[in-house]
Amino acid sequence: MLNLRGAFKTKKPSPRYIGPFQIVDRIGEVAYRLALPLPMSGMHDVFHVSQLRKFVPDS
C-alpha cells in the first residue's frame, strides 16, 4: 500500500493509502520500485519504505 497523503489537491478527504502494488525491485537499503498502473505512469515509481505499508487482505 502506498501513502499518498497530501499528494493531490482536493477539497474531499483522500484515502490515506492506495494499492496494493507489486514490488518490482529493491533499490538500495530503503527504497523500492513499484509496478504502477498505466494511469499513474507519470508518477515516479521508486518510493522510500516510510511511504509503503504491507498489504493485509481482509479475512
Protein backbone atom coordinates (compact mmCIF):
# COMPACT_ATOMS: atom_id res chain seq x y z
CA MET A 1 0.00 0.00 0.00
CA LEU A 2 1.30 3.42 -0.91
CA ASN A 3 0.97 6.53 1.29
CA LEU A 4 -0.24 9.47 -0.77
CA ARG A 5 -1.44 11.80 1.99
CA GLY A 6 -1.22 15.35 0.64
CA ALA A 7 -0.19 14.27 -2.85
CA PHE A 8 -3.37 15.56 -4.50
CA LYS A 9 -5.04 18.96 -4.10
CA THR A 10 -8.73 18.42 -3.42
CA LYS A 11 -11.42 19.53 -1.00
CA LYS A 12 -12.57 15.95 -0.45
CA PRO A 13 -10.75 13.72 2.01
CA SER A 14 -8.43 11.42 0.10
CA PRO A 15 -7.64 7.83 1.05
CA ARG A 16 -4.56 7.50 3.22
CA TYR A 17 -3.17 4.58 1.22
CA ILE A 18 -3.82 3.26 -2.27
CA GLY A 19 -2.88 -0.07 -3.76
CA PRO A 20 -1.76 -2.77 -3.39
CA PHE A 21 1.09 -2.62 -5.89
CA GLN A 22 3.64 -5.27 -6.75
CA ILE A 23 7.23 -4.62 -5.70
CA VAL A 24 9.43 -4.94 -8.79
CA ASP A 25 12.87 -4.25 -7.34
CA ARG A 26 14.69 -3.20 -4.19
CA ILE A 27 16.74 -0.04 -4.74
CA GLY A 28 19.42 0.24 -2.05
CA GLU A 29 18.61 -0.21 1.62
CA VAL A 30 15.42 1.84 1.96
CA ALA A 31 13.74 2.23 -1.44
CA TYR A 32 11.58 0.04 -3.66
CA ARG A 33 10.44 0.24 -7.28
CA LEU A 34 6.72 -0.50 -7.68
CA ALA A 35 4.72 -1.69 -10.67
CA LEU A 36 2.27 1.20 -11.08
CA PRO A 37 -0.84 1.03 -13.28
CA LEU A 38 -0.91 2.91 -16.59
CA PRO A 39 -2.98 5.89 -15.26
CA MET A 40 -0.19 6.51 -12.73
CA SER A 41 2.61 6.22 -15.30
CA GLY A 42 3.51 9.91 -14.88
CA MET A 43 4.33 9.34 -11.20
CA HIS A 44 7.84 8.37 -10.09
CA ASP A 45 7.91 4.61 -9.42
CA VAL A 46 10.57 4.47 -6.65
CA PHE A 47 9.40 5.00 -3.05
CA HIS A 48 11.07 5.16 0.36
CA VAL A 49 9.99 2.47 2.83
CA SER A 50 8.35 5.13 5.03
CA GLN A 51 5.82 5.66 2.21
CA LEU A 52 4.93 1.95 1.98
CA ARG A 53 2.76 -0.29 4.11
CA LYS A 54 2.33 -4.06 3.99
CA PHE A 55 -0.96 -5.16 2.44
CA VAL A 56 -3.05 -7.39 4.71
CA PRO A 57 -6.17 -8.77 2.97
CA ASP A 58 -9.47 -8.88 4.84
CA SER A 59 -10.11 -12.31 6.28
